[in-house]
């Protein structure tokens, strides 16, 4: 029975922490990723840059 009370207490504590965290962040700042390549500025939508990837492959063969 004591283990159940400890589990309930931990669950309530985690719920309070997550609610505080959600209320502090803005709706747009919760998830971000890079849309553009940091090296060349090409739009990649979060994927690997095909321009920089092919350039690095060409340099490795030389």
PDB file of N, CA and C in Angstrom:
ATOM      1  N   UNK A   1       0.823  -1.200   0.000  1.00  0.00           N
ATOM      2  CA  UNK A   1       0.000   0.000   0.000  1.00  0.00           C
ATOM      3  C   UNK A   1       0.866   1.262   0.000  1.00  0.00           C
ATOM      4  N   UNK A   2       2.003   1.169   0.672  1.00  0.00           N
ATOM      5  CA  UNK A   2       2.896   2.321   0.737  1.00  0.00           C
ATOM      6  C   UNK A   2       3.466   2.626  -0.646  1.00  0.00           C
ATOM      7  N   UNK A   3       3.763   1.581  -1.416  1.00  0.00           N
ATOM      8  CA  UNK A   3       4.302   1.780  -2.756  1.00  0.00           C
ATOM      9  C   UNK A   3       3.289   2.506  -3.639  1.00  0.00           C
ATOM     10  N   UNK A   4       2.015   2.206  -3.472  1.00  0.00           N
ATOM     11  CA  UNK A   4       0.970   2.878  -4.244  1.00  0.00           C
ATOM     12  C   UNK A   4       0.950   4.371  -3.913  1.00  0.00           C
ATOM     13  N   UNK A   5       1.034   4.726  -2.638  1.00  0.00           N
ATOM     14  CA  UNK A   5       1.038   6.136  -2.227  1.00  0.00           C
ATOM     15  C   UNK A   5       2.275   6.861  -2.755  1.00  0.00           C
ATOM     16  N   UNK A   6       3.411   6.185  -2.748  1.00  0.00           N
ATOM     17  CA  UNK A   6       4.637   6.796  -3.277  1.00  0.00           C
ATOM     18  C   UNK A   6       4.481   7.026  -4.784  1.00  0.00           C
ATOM     19  N   UNK A   7       3.923   6.065  -5.497  1.00  0.00           N
ATOM     20  CA  UNK A   7       3.693   6.208  -6.928  1.00  0.00           C
ATOM     21  C   UNK A   7       2.734   7.344  -7.251  1.00  0.00           C
ATOM     22  N   UNK A   8       1.677   7.470  -6.455  1.00  0.00           N
ATOM     23  CA  UNK A   8       0.721   8.562  -6.657  1.00  0.00           C
ATOM     24  C   UNK A   8       1.401   9.910  -6.409  1.00  0.00           C
ATOM     25  N   UNK A   9       2.208   9.979  -5.365  1.00  0.00           N
ATOM     26  CA  UNK A   9       2.916  11.223  -5.051  1.00  0.00           C
ATOM     27  C   UNK A   9       3.884  11.627  -6.154  1.00  0.00           C
ATOM     28  N   UNK A  10       4.630  10.663  -6.679  1.00  0.00           N
ATOM     29  CA  UNK A  10       5.560  10.950  -7.767  1.00  0.00           C
ATOM     30  C   UNK A  10       4.799  11.372  -9.024  1.00  0.00           C
ATOM     31  N   UNK A  11       3.705  10.727  -9.312  1.00  0.00           N
ATOM     32  CA  UNK A  11       2.896  11.089 -10.478  1.00  0.00           C
ATOM     33  C   UNK A  11       2.332  12.493 -10.380  1.00  0.00           C
ATOM     34  N   UNK A  12       1.839  12.863  -9.209  1.00  0.00           N
ATOM     35  CA  UNK A  12       1.305  14.215  -9.010  1.00  0.00           C
ATOM     36  C   UNK A  12       2.426  15.243  -9.137  1.00  0.00           C
ATOM     37  N   UNK A  13       3.591  14.934  -8.585  1.00  0.00           N
ATOM     38  CA  UNK A  13       4.730  15.847  -8.661  1.00  0.00           C
ATOM     39  C   UNK A  13       5.163  16.055 -10.120  1.00  0.00           C
ATOM     40  N   UNK A  14       5.242  14.981 -10.883  1.00  0.00           N
ATOM     41  CA  UNK A  14       5.597  15.104 -12.301  1.00  0.00           C
ATOM     42  C   UNK A  14       4.543  15.896 -13.074  1.00  0.00           C
ATOM     43  N   UNK A  15       3.281  15.679 -12.766  1.00  0.00           N
ATOM     44  CA  UNK A  15       2.220  16.417 -13.446  1.00  0.00           C
ATOM     45  C   UNK A  15       2.328  17.914 -13.159  1.00  0.00           C
ATOM     46  N   UNK A  16       2.615  18.275 -11.928  1.00  0.00           N
ATOM     47  CA  UNK A  16       2.759  19.693 -11.567  1.00  0.00           C
ATOM     48  C   UNK A  16       3.948  20.308 -12.297  1.00  0.00           C
ATOM     49  N   UNK A  17       5.061  19.593 -12.342  1.00  0.00           N
ATOM     50  CA  UNK A  17       6.254  20.109 -13.024  1.00  0.00           C
ATOM     51  C   UNK A  17       5.977  20.300 -14.515  1.00  0.00           C
ATOM     52  N   UNK A  18       5.315  19.342 -15.152  1.00  0.00           N
ATOM     53  CA  UNK A  18       5.032  19.457 -16.584  1.00  0.00           C
ATOM     54  C   UNK A  18       4.033  20.581 -16.876  1.00  0.00           C
ATOM     55  N   UNK A  19       3.044  20.766 -16.018  1.00  0.00           N
ATOM     56  CA  UNK A  19       2.081  21.855 -16.209  1.00  0.00           C
ATOM     57  C   UNK A  19       2.772  23.202 -16.083  1.00  0.00           C
ATOM     58  N   UNK A  20       3.693  23.338 -15.123  1.00  0.00           N
ATOM     59  CA  UNK A  20       4.452  24.585 -14.990  1.00  0.00           C
ATOM     60  C   UNK A  20       5.299  24.838 -16.225  1.00  0.00           C
ATOM     61  N   UNK A  21       5.939  23.797 -16.731  1.00  0.00           N
ATOM     62  CA  UNK A  21       6.794  23.926 -17.901  1.00  0.00           C
ATOM     63  C   UNK A  21       5.983  24.325 -19.135  1.00  0.00           C
ATOM     64  N   UNK A  22       4.825  23.741 -19.302  1.00  0.00           N
ATOM     65  CA  UNK A  22       3.962  24.070 -20.434  1.00  0.00           C
ATOM     66  C   UNK A  22       3.457  25.498 -20.335  1.00  0.00           C
ATOM     67  N   UNK A  23       3.109  25.941 -19.137  1.00  0.00           N
ATOM     68  CA  UNK A  23       2.566  27.287 -18.989  1.00  0.00           C
ATOM     69  C   UNK A  23       3.632  28.360 -19.177  1.00  0.00           C
ATOM     70  N   UNK A  24       4.894  28.055 -18.959  1.00  0.00           N
ATOM     71  CA  UNK A  24       5.970  29.049 -19.105  1.00  0.00           C
ATOM     72  C   UNK A  24       6.407  29.234 -20.556  1.00  0.00           C
ATOM     73  N   UNK A  25       6.310  28.210 -21.366  1.00  0.00           N
ATOM     74  CA  UNK A  25       6.761  28.325 -22.751  1.00  0.00           C
ATOM     75  C   UNK A  25       5.659  28.913 -23.617  1.00  0.00           C
ATOM     76  N   UNK A  26       6.068  29.671 -24.623  1.00  0.00           N
ATOM     77  CA  UNK A  26       5.085  30.219 -25.545  1.00  0.00           C
ATOM     78  C   UNK A  26       4.642  29.127 -26.523  1.00  0.00           C
ATOM     79  N   UNK A  27       3.572  29.372 -27.209  1.00  0.00           N
ATOM     80  CA  UNK A  27       3.051  28.328 -28.105  1.00  0.00           C
ATOM     81  C   UNK A  27       3.959  28.089 -29.301  1.00  0.00           C
ATOM     82  N   UNK A  28       4.771  29.069 -29.686  1.00  0.00           N
ATOM     83  CA  UNK A  28       5.646  28.911 -30.837  1.00  0.00           C
ATOM     84  C   UNK A  28       7.042  28.440 -30.450  1.00  0.00           C
ATOM     85  N   UNK A  29       7.420  28.534 -29.189  1.00  0.00           N
ATOM     86  CA  UNK A  29       8.781  28.212 -28.774  1.00  0.00           C
ATOM     87  C   UNK A  29       8.926  26.783 -28.271  1.00  0.00           C
ATOM     88  N   UNK A  30       7.888  25.997 -28.319  1.00  0.00           N
ATOM     89  CA  UNK A  30       7.971  24.659 -27.752  1.00  0.00           C
ATOM     90  C   UNK A  30       8.761  23.699 -28.631  1.00  0.00           C
ATOM     91  N   UNK A  31       8.772  23.914 -29.949  1.00  0.00           N
ATOM     92  CA  UNK A  31       9.487  23.006 -30.847  1.00  0.00           C
ATOM     93  C   UNK A  31      10.060  23.814 -32.002  1.00  0.00           C
ATOM     94  N   UNK A  32      11.380  23.732 -32.173  1.00  0.00           N
ATOM     95  CA  UNK A  32      12.043  24.445 -33.262  1.00  0.00           C
ATOM     96  C   UNK A  32      13.047  23.529 -33.934  1.00  0.00           C
ATOM     97  N   UNK A  33      13.221  23.715 -35.214  1.00  0.00           N
ATOM     98  CA  UNK A  33      14.295  23.041 -35.937  1.00  0.00           C
ATOM     99  C   UNK A  33      14.717  23.941 -37.085  1.00  0.00           C
ATOM    100  N   UNK A  34      15.924  23.716 -37.558  1.00  0.00           N
ATOM    101  CA  UNK A  34      16.475  24.558 -38.616  1.00  0.00           C
ATOM    102  C   UNK A  34      15.848  24.256 -39.961  1.00  0.00           C
ATOM    103  N   UNK A  35      15.299  25.268 -40.604  1.00  0.00           N
ATOM    104  CA  UNK A  35      14.698  25.105 -41.918  1.00  0.00           C
ATOM    105  C   UNK A  35      15.747  25.321 -42.997  1.00  0.00           C
ATOM    106  N   UNK A  36      16.740  26.145 -42.706  1.00  0.00           N
ATOM    107  CA  UNK A  36      17.777  26.472 -43.682  1.00  0.00           C
ATOM    108  C   UNK A  36      19.118  25.894 -43.240  1.00  0.00           C
ATOM    109  N   UNK A  37      19.971  25.605 -44.203  1.00  0.00           N
ATOM    110  CA  UNK A  37      21.314  25.095 -43.932  1.00  0.00           C
ATOM    111  C   UNK A  37      22.140  26.198 -43.277  1.00  0.00           C
ATOM    112  N   UNK A  38      22.919  25.841 -42.265  1.00  0.00           N
ATOM    113  CA  UNK A  38      23.734  26.825 -41.565  1.00  0.00           C
ATOM    114  C   UNK A  38      24.930  27.264 -42.398  1.00  0.00           C
ATOM    115  N   UNK A  39      25.404  26.414 -43.296  1.00  0.00           N
ATOM    116  CA  UNK A  39      26.586  26.744 -44.107  1.00  0.00           C
ATOM    117  C   UNK A  39      26.236  27.586 -45.330  1.00  0.00           C
ATOM    118  N   UNK A  40      25.269  27.130 -46.125  1.00  0.00           N
ATOM    119  CA  UNK A  40      25.012  27.796 -47.403  1.00  0.00           C
ATOM    120  C   UNK A  40      23.680  28.535 -47.455  1.00  0.00           C
ATOM    121  N   UNK A  41      22.753  28.276 -46.534  1.00  0.00           N
ATOM    122  CA  UNK A  41      21.482  28.982 -46.514  1.00  0.00           C
ATOM    123  C   UNK A  41      20.409  28.361 -47.388  1.00  0.00           C
ATOM    124  N   UNK A  42      20.650  27.185 -47.949  1.00  0.00           N
ATOM    125  CA  UNK A  42      19.672  26.492 -48.798  1.00  0.00           C
ATOM    126  C   UNK A  42      18.540  25.943 -47.931  1.00  0.00           C
ATOM    127  N   UNK A  43      17.303  26.023 -48.420  1.00  0.00           N
ATOM    128  CA  UNK A  43      16.152  25.543 -47.653  1.00  0.00           C
ATOM    129  C   UNK A  43      16.138  24.017 -47.649  1.00  0.00           C
ATOM    130  N   UNK A  44      16.247  23.409 -46.444  1.00  0.00           N
ATOM    131  CA  UNK A  44      16.329  21.957 -46.334  1.00  0.00           C
ATOM    132  C   UNK A  44      15.164  21.349 -45.560  1.00  0.00           C
ATOM    133  N   UNK A  45      14.361  22.158 -44.889  1.00  0.00           N
ATOM    134  CA  UNK A  45      13.237  21.688 -44.064  1.00  0.00           C
ATOM    135  C   UNK A  45      13.678  20.704 -42.982  1.00  0.00           C
ATOM    136  N   UNK A  46      14.856  20.921 -42.425  1.00  0.00           N
ATOM    137  CA  UNK A  46      15.339  20.090 -41.334  1.00  0.00           C
ATOM    138  C   UNK A  46      16.120  18.867 -41.755  1.00  0.00           C
ATOM    139  N   UNK A  47      16.235  18.615 -43.048  1.00  0.00           N
ATOM    140  CA  UNK A  47      16.976  17.456 -43.536  1.00  0.00           C
ATOM    141  C   UNK A  47      18.420  17.842 -43.807  1.00  0.00           C
ATOM    142  N   UNK A  48      19.238  16.869 -44.243  1.00  0.00           N
ATOM    143  CA  UNK A  48      20.617  17.163 -44.607  1.00  0.00           C
ATOM    144  C   UNK A  48      20.636  18.001 -45.875  1.00  0.00           C
ATOM    145  N   UNK A  49      21.589  18.902 -45.941  1.00  0.00           N
ATOM    146  CA  UNK A  49      21.704  19.795 -47.097  1.00  0.00           C
ATOM    147  C   UNK A  49      22.319  19.027 -48.266  1.00  0.00           C
ATOM    148  N   UNK A  50      21.625  18.943 -49.408  1.00  0.00           N
ATOM    149  CA  UNK A  50      22.182  18.217 -50.550  1.00  0.00           C
ATOM    150  C   UNK A  50      23.386  18.929 -51.156  1.00  0.00           C
ATOM    151  N   UNK A  51      23.415  20.249 -51.095  1.00  0.00           N
ATOM    152  CA  UNK A  51      24.554  20.993 -51.645  1.00  0.00           C
ATOM    153  C   UNK A  51      25.820  20.741 -50.836  1.00  0.00           C
ATOM    154  N   UNK A  52      25.724  20.894 -49.518  1.00  0.00           N
ATOM    155  CA  UNK A  52      26.902  20.719 -48.663  1.00  0.00           C
ATOM    156  C   UNK A  52      27.312  19.249 -48.582  1.00  0.00           C
ATOM    157  N   UNK A  53      26.344  18.355 -48.628  1.00  0.00           N
ATOM    158  CA  UNK A  53      26.628  16.919 -48.576  1.00  0.00           C
ATOM    159  C   UNK A  53      27.396  16.479 -49.821  1.00  0.00           C
ATOM    160  N   UNK A  54      26.972  16.965 -50.998  1.00  0.00           N
ATOM    161  CA  UNK A  54      27.671  16.582 -52.227  1.00  0.00           C
ATOM    162  C   UNK A  54      29.043  17.249 -52.296  1.00  0.00           C
ATOM    163  N   UNK A  55      29.166  18.451 -51.738  1.00  0.00           N
ATOM    164  CA  UNK A  55      30.462  19.128 -51.733  1.00  0.00           C
ATOM    165  C   UNK A  55      31.449  18.380 -50.833  1.00  0.00           C
ATOM    166  N   UNK A  56      30.987  17.895 -49.716  1.00  0.00           N
ATOM    167  CA  UNK A  56      31.874  17.149 -48.821  1.00  0.00           C
ATOM    168  C   UNK A  56      32.242  15.803 -49.423  1.00  0.00           C
ATOM    169  N   UNK A  57      31.349  15.190 -50.205  1.00  0.00           N
ATOM    170  CA  UNK A  57      31.675  13.931 -50.882  1.00  0.00           C
ATOM    171  C   UNK A  57      32.704  14.134 -51.977  1.00  0.00           C
ATOM    172  N   UNK A  58      32.606  15.255 -52.705  1.00  0.00           N
ATOM    173  CA  UNK A  58      33.560  15.541 -53.760  1.00  0.00           C
ATOM    174  C   UNK A  58      34.956  15.777 -53.170  1.00  0.00           C
ATOM    175  N   UNK A  59      35.028  16.447 -52.017  1.00  0.00           N
ATOM    176  CA  UNK A  59      36.329  16.732 -51.403  1.00  0.00           C
ATOM    177  C   UNK A  59      36.980  15.473 -50.856  1.00  0.00           C
ATOM    178  N   UNK A  60      36.166  14.530 -50.393  1.00  0.00           N
ATOM    179  CA  UNK A  60      36.744  13.311 -49.815  1.00  0.00           C
ATOM    180  C   UNK A  60      37.357  12.408 -50.871  1.00  0.00           C
ATOM    181  N   UNK A  61      36.911  12.520 -52.147  1.00  0.00           N
ATOM    182  CA  UNK A  61      37.466  11.674 -53.203  1.00  0.00           C
ATOM    183  C   UNK A  61      38.786  12.216 -53.754  1.00  0.00           C
ATOM    184  N   UNK A  62      39.063  13.487 -53.509  1.00  0.00           N
ATOM    185  CA  UNK A  62      40.297  14.080 -54.043  1.00  0.00           C
ATOM    186  C   UNK A  62      41.503  13.651 -53.285  1.00  0.00           C
TER     187      UNK A  62
END
